[in-house]
Protein backbone atom coordinates (compact mmCIF):
# COMPACT_ATOMS: atom_id res chain seq x y z
CA MET A 1 -28.38 -189.73 -77.92
CA GLN A 2 -29.84 -191.78 -75.08
CA THR A 3 -26.51 -193.62 -74.63
CA LEU A 4 -24.68 -190.29 -74.42
CA SER A 5 -27.13 -188.98 -71.83
CA ALA A 6 -27.11 -192.08 -69.59
CA PRO A 7 -24.23 -190.93 -67.34
CA ASP A 8 -25.84 -187.48 -67.03
CA TYR A 9 -29.17 -189.02 -66.02
CA SER A 10 -27.54 -191.36 -63.52
CA LEU A 11 -25.63 -188.53 -61.81
CA MET A 12 -28.76 -186.33 -61.88
CA ARG A 13 -30.77 -189.01 -60.08
CA CYS A 14 -28.11 -189.37 -57.40
CA ILE A 15 -27.98 -185.60 -56.87
CA ASN A 16 -31.77 -185.18 -56.91
CA ARG A 17 -32.24 -187.87 -54.27
CA TRP A 18 -29.43 -186.65 -52.03
CA ARG A 19 -30.65 -184.99 -48.84
CA ALA A 20 -27.78 -182.54 -48.52
CA PRO A 21 -26.91 -181.12 -45.10
CA ARG A 22 -28.50 -177.74 -44.39
CA TRP A 23 -25.22 -175.83 -44.78
CA ILE A 24 -24.68 -177.29 -48.28
CA ARG A 25 -28.25 -176.47 -49.27
CA TRP A 26 -27.77 -172.90 -48.04
CA TRP A 27 -24.39 -172.58 -49.81
CA MET A 28 -25.67 -174.02 -53.12
CA GLN A 29 -28.77 -171.82 -53.15
CA LEU A 30 -26.64 -168.76 -52.35
CA ALA A 31 -24.19 -169.69 -55.13
CA THR A 32 -27.01 -170.19 -57.62
CA ARG A 33 -28.52 -166.81 -56.68
CA ALA A 34 -25.09 -165.16 -56.89
CA GLY A 35 -24.94 -166.44 -60.45
CA ASP A 36 -28.15 -164.52 -61.25
CA GLY A 37 -25.89 -161.51 -61.83
CA TRP A 38 -25.75 -159.52 -58.61
CA LEU A 39 -22.33 -160.94 -57.61
CA TRP A 40 -20.79 -160.02 -60.96
CA GLY A 41 -22.43 -156.60 -60.85
CA ALA A 42 -21.06 -155.99 -57.35
CA ILE A 43 -17.56 -157.00 -58.47
CA GLY A 44 -17.85 -154.66 -61.48
CA ILE A 45 -18.99 -151.76 -59.32
CA ALA A 46 -16.17 -152.41 -56.83
CA LEU A 47 -13.66 -152.36 -59.68
CA LEU A 48 -15.05 -149.11 -61.06
CA ILE A 49 -14.98 -147.49 -57.62
CA SER A 50 -11.38 -148.64 -57.09
CA GLY A 51 -10.19 -146.09 -59.62
CA ASP A 52 -7.70 -148.54 -61.08
CA GLY A 53 -6.61 -147.37 -64.54
CA GLN A 54 -7.76 -150.51 -66.32
CA SER A 55 -10.98 -151.11 -64.37
CA VAL A 56 -13.21 -149.43 -66.95
CA HIS A 57 -11.78 -151.57 -69.77
CA ALA A 58 -11.95 -154.71 -67.63
CA VAL A 59 -15.62 -154.11 -66.85
CA GLU A 60 -16.34 -153.30 -70.50
CA ALA A 61 -14.71 -156.59 -71.55
CA ALA A 62 -16.71 -158.50 -68.91
CA VAL A 63 -19.99 -156.87 -69.96
CA SER A 64 -19.23 -157.64 -73.61
CA ALA A 65 -18.39 -161.25 -72.74
CA VAL A 66 -21.62 -161.66 -70.79
CA ALA A 67 -23.67 -160.15 -73.64
CA VAL A 68 -22.10 -162.48 -76.21
CA GLY A 69 -22.46 -165.42 -73.81
CA ILE A 70 -26.16 -164.73 -73.34
CA LEU A 71 -26.74 -164.56 -77.09
CA VAL A 72 -24.84 -167.80 -77.66
CA PHE A 73 -26.39 -169.85 -74.87
CA HIS A 74 -29.94 -168.71 -75.66
CA ASN A 75 -29.54 -169.74 -79.29
CA VAL A 76 -27.93 -173.07 -78.40
CA LYS A 77 -30.64 -173.80 -75.81
CA ARG A 78 -33.38 -173.24 -78.36
CA ALA A 79 -31.59 -175.33 -80.99
CA VAL A 80 -30.86 -178.27 -78.68
CA GLY A 81 -34.07 -178.17 -76.63
CA ARG A 82 -32.82 -180.41 -73.81
CA VAL A 83 -35.25 -180.40 -70.89
CA ARG A 84 -34.10 -179.62 -67.37
CA PRO A 85 -33.48 -182.42 -64.88
CA ARG A 86 -36.49 -181.34 -62.81
CA GLU A 87 -38.73 -182.14 -65.81
CA ILE A 88 -37.48 -185.73 -65.71
CA GLU A 89 -37.41 -186.22 -61.95
CA PRO A 90 -38.39 -183.70 -59.25
CA HIS A 91 -35.66 -182.43 -56.98
CA CYS A 92 -36.08 -183.36 -53.33
CA TRP A 93 -35.32 -179.96 -51.72
CA ALA A 94 -34.56 -177.17 -54.20
CA ARG A 95 -37.41 -175.16 -55.70
CA ILE A 96 -35.95 -172.72 -58.22
CA VAL A 97 -37.93 -170.76 -60.79
CA THR A 98 -36.23 -170.40 -64.18
CA ARG A 99 -36.78 -168.08 -67.12
CA ASP A 100 -36.68 -170.89 -69.65
CA ARG A 101 -37.31 -174.62 -69.72
CA PHE A 102 -34.16 -175.77 -71.47
CA SER A 103 -30.98 -176.88 -69.78
CA PHE A 104 -28.20 -177.19 -72.38
CA PRO A 105 -25.92 -175.29 -71.95
CA SER A 106 -26.04 -173.71 -68.51
CA GLY A 107 -26.43 -169.96 -68.85
CA HIS A 108 -25.31 -169.36 -65.26
CA SER A 109 -22.10 -171.30 -65.95
CA THR A 110 -21.54 -169.49 -69.23
CA THR A 111 -21.86 -166.02 -67.72
CA ALA A 112 -19.93 -166.92 -64.55
CA PHE A 113 -16.92 -168.15 -66.51
CA ALA A 114 -17.18 -165.31 -69.06
CA VAL A 115 -16.83 -162.82 -66.20
CA ALA A 116 -14.13 -164.86 -64.43
CA PHE A 117 -11.93 -165.15 -67.51
CA SER A 118 -12.43 -161.62 -68.83
CA LEU A 119 -11.77 -159.94 -65.45
CA GLY A 120 -9.17 -162.51 -64.41
CA SER A 121 -7.18 -161.82 -67.57
CA TYR A 122 -6.97 -158.16 -66.55
CA TYR A 123 -6.24 -159.07 -62.92
CA PRO A 124 -4.29 -162.36 -62.92
CA GLU A 125 -3.87 -162.28 -59.14
CA ALA A 126 -7.67 -162.42 -58.81
CA MET A 127 -8.12 -165.20 -61.39
CA PRO A 128 -8.04 -168.10 -58.86
CA LEU A 129 -10.75 -166.49 -56.70
CA LEU A 130 -12.87 -165.64 -59.75
CA ILE A 131 -12.61 -169.22 -61.02
CA ILE A 132 -13.59 -170.55 -57.58
CA LEU A 133 -16.64 -168.26 -57.54
CA ALA A 134 -17.60 -169.30 -61.09
CA ALA A 135 -17.10 -172.99 -60.26
CA ASN A 136 -19.37 -172.62 -57.22
CA VAL A 137 -22.07 -171.17 -59.44
CA ALA A 138 -21.66 -174.00 -61.98
CA VAL A 139 -21.71 -176.78 -59.37
CA SER A 140 -24.70 -175.22 -57.63
CA ARG A 141 -26.73 -175.48 -60.83
CA MET A 142 -26.34 -179.27 -60.74
CA ILE A 143 -26.86 -179.58 -56.99
CA VAL A 144 -30.13 -177.61 -57.09
CA GLY A 145 -31.38 -179.77 -59.95
CA MET A 146 -31.40 -177.22 -62.77
CA HIS A 147 -28.69 -178.75 -64.97
CA PHE A 148 -26.90 -181.91 -65.97
CA LEU A 149 -23.13 -182.24 -65.68
CA THR A 150 -22.62 -181.77 -69.43
CA ASP A 151 -24.73 -178.59 -69.31
CA VAL A 152 -22.40 -176.95 -66.80
CA LEU A 153 -19.21 -178.30 -68.39
CA VAL A 154 -20.12 -176.99 -71.85
CA GLY A 155 -21.47 -173.71 -70.42
CA SER A 156 -18.30 -173.22 -68.37
CA ALA A 157 -16.03 -173.93 -71.35
CA MET A 158 -18.05 -171.60 -73.61
CA GLY A 159 -17.95 -168.85 -71.00
CA ALA A 160 -14.21 -169.22 -70.41
CA LEU A 161 -13.54 -169.02 -74.15
CA ILE A 162 -15.85 -166.04 -74.65
CA GLY A 163 -14.36 -164.23 -71.63
CA TYR A 164 -10.81 -164.75 -72.80
CA VAL A 165 -11.64 -163.71 -76.36
CA ALA A 166 -13.27 -160.53 -75.00
CA PHE A 167 -10.05 -159.75 -73.13
CA ILE A 168 -7.94 -160.44 -76.24
CA GLU A 169 -10.16 -158.23 -78.41
CA PHE A 170 -10.00 -155.35 -75.93
CA ALA A 171 -6.23 -155.84 -75.61
CA ARG A 172 -5.88 -155.76 -79.41
CA TYR A 173 -7.20 -152.21 -79.42
CA GLY A 174 -5.07 -151.11 -76.49
CA LEU A 175 -7.84 -151.44 -73.95
CA ALA A 176 -5.98 -153.84 -71.69
């Protein structure tokens, strides 16, 4: 396990010691806070207000994907028990409070990509922007010292899969 984690630890140490320019620090902290849920909620509300015929189903699929994602990542985190990077080495500038002490997989990445893929499957023209927003959330979690690279990669992949499956399931019942 230590051999598998060595690249993660090496990258984490480089990131934790990097004195990022102020604009990057601001951007990464904003992206990490956006991943707390308010960005996805605002997008959902905007869709519902738009009056688009499929917006209700799209938001229902996204909410379902997020709910499943939360259940999955919480259970995986407890089973794996991988500590956060900040427990190994303090971060030089980011001070973020978390709800749990485990890092694998990234819950922010899971939910960000679950929303991006569920909504983006309903609105393919918005998919690139949604993926960019989700990727910003995922990258920010590493930059602020909350996660390792593998945490965000696995969380992002899980979220994308869950989001797409939510879309497929809603489409199966004529809700797409």
